[in-house]
């Protein structure tokens, strides 16, 4: 089991991450909101894509820049 602390600027993003955690607690001290929870990793690793996307293929040259 892994403990995770989330410190974020956007409440919606923090809530989205916290929704995937267990035993979530929320602390507010000195103007800082900290959400903590536990995460149990799965035994299955996600399978990689069969073919990398061109957007992530570093061998692909970048598109020309417009002036």
Protein backbone atom coordinates (compact mmCIF):
# COMPACT_ATOMS: atom_id res chain seq x y z
CA UNK A 1 0.00 0.00 0.00
CA UNK A 2 1.32 3.43 -0.94
CA UNK A 3 0.38 6.72 0.74
CA UNK A 4 -0.11 9.64 -1.63
CA UNK A 5 -0.44 13.32 -0.74
CA UNK A 6 -2.02 15.61 -3.32
CA UNK A 7 -1.30 19.31 -3.33
CA UNK A 8 -3.01 21.00 -6.24
CA UNK A 9 -4.16 24.35 -7.47
CA UNK A 10 -7.44 23.21 -9.00
CA UNK A 11 -10.04 21.62 -6.71
CA UNK A 12 -11.55 19.64 -9.59
CA UNK A 13 -8.23 17.99 -10.44
CA UNK A 14 -7.50 17.15 -6.81
CA UNK A 15 -10.99 15.66 -6.42
CA UNK A 16 -10.52 13.56 -9.57
CA UNK A 17 -7.27 12.08 -8.26
CA UNK A 18 -8.65 11.64 -4.74
CA UNK A 19 -11.60 9.66 -6.14
CA UNK A 20 -9.19 6.86 -7.08
CA UNK A 21 -7.67 6.67 -3.57
CA UNK A 22 -8.76 4.84 -0.42
CA UNK A 23 -8.96 6.27 3.12
CA UNK A 24 -8.93 9.88 1.88
CA UNK A 25 -8.37 12.67 4.42
CA UNK A 26 -8.26 16.42 3.87
CA UNK A 27 -6.17 18.85 5.92
CA UNK A 28 -6.01 22.62 5.71
CA UNK A 29 -3.12 24.35 7.47
CA UNK A 30 -1.47 27.71 6.84
CA UNK A 31 -3.61 28.29 3.76
CA UNK A 32 -2.55 25.00 2.16
CA UNK A 33 -5.00 22.22 1.33
CA UNK A 34 -3.53 18.72 1.41
CA UNK A 35 -5.51 15.64 0.45
CA UNK A 36 -4.05 12.29 1.50
CA UNK A 37 -5.06 8.77 0.69
CA UNK A 38 -3.77 5.29 0.08
CA UNK A 39 -3.40 3.56 -3.24
CA UNK A 40 -3.15 -0.15 -3.85
CA UNK A 41 -1.38 -0.77 -7.16
CA UNK A 42 -2.80 -3.44 -9.40
CA UNK A 43 -0.74 -6.43 -10.37
CA UNK A 44 -1.48 -5.89 -14.04
CA UNK A 45 0.59 -3.36 -15.91
CA UNK A 46 -1.17 -1.55 -18.73
CA UNK A 47 -0.24 -2.90 -22.12
CA UNK A 48 1.73 -0.54 -24.34
CA UNK A 49 0.13 0.67 -27.55
CA UNK A 50 0.81 -1.52 -30.55
CA UNK A 51 2.23 1.41 -32.50
CA UNK A 52 3.50 4.70 -31.07
CA UNK A 53 1.60 7.81 -31.99
CA UNK A 54 3.38 10.27 -34.28
CA UNK A 55 2.90 12.91 -31.60
CA UNK A 56 5.13 10.90 -29.26
CA UNK A 57 7.57 9.58 -31.83
CA UNK A 58 10.71 11.65 -31.31
CA UNK A 59 12.11 10.55 -34.67
CA UNK A 60 9.33 12.49 -36.42
CA UNK A 61 10.44 16.04 -37.27
CA UNK A 62 8.32 18.84 -35.78
CA UNK A 63 5.83 20.61 -38.04
CA UNK A 64 6.95 23.86 -39.67
CA UNK A 65 6.33 27.02 -37.67
CA UNK A 66 4.10 29.65 -39.21
CA UNK A 67 5.30 33.23 -39.25
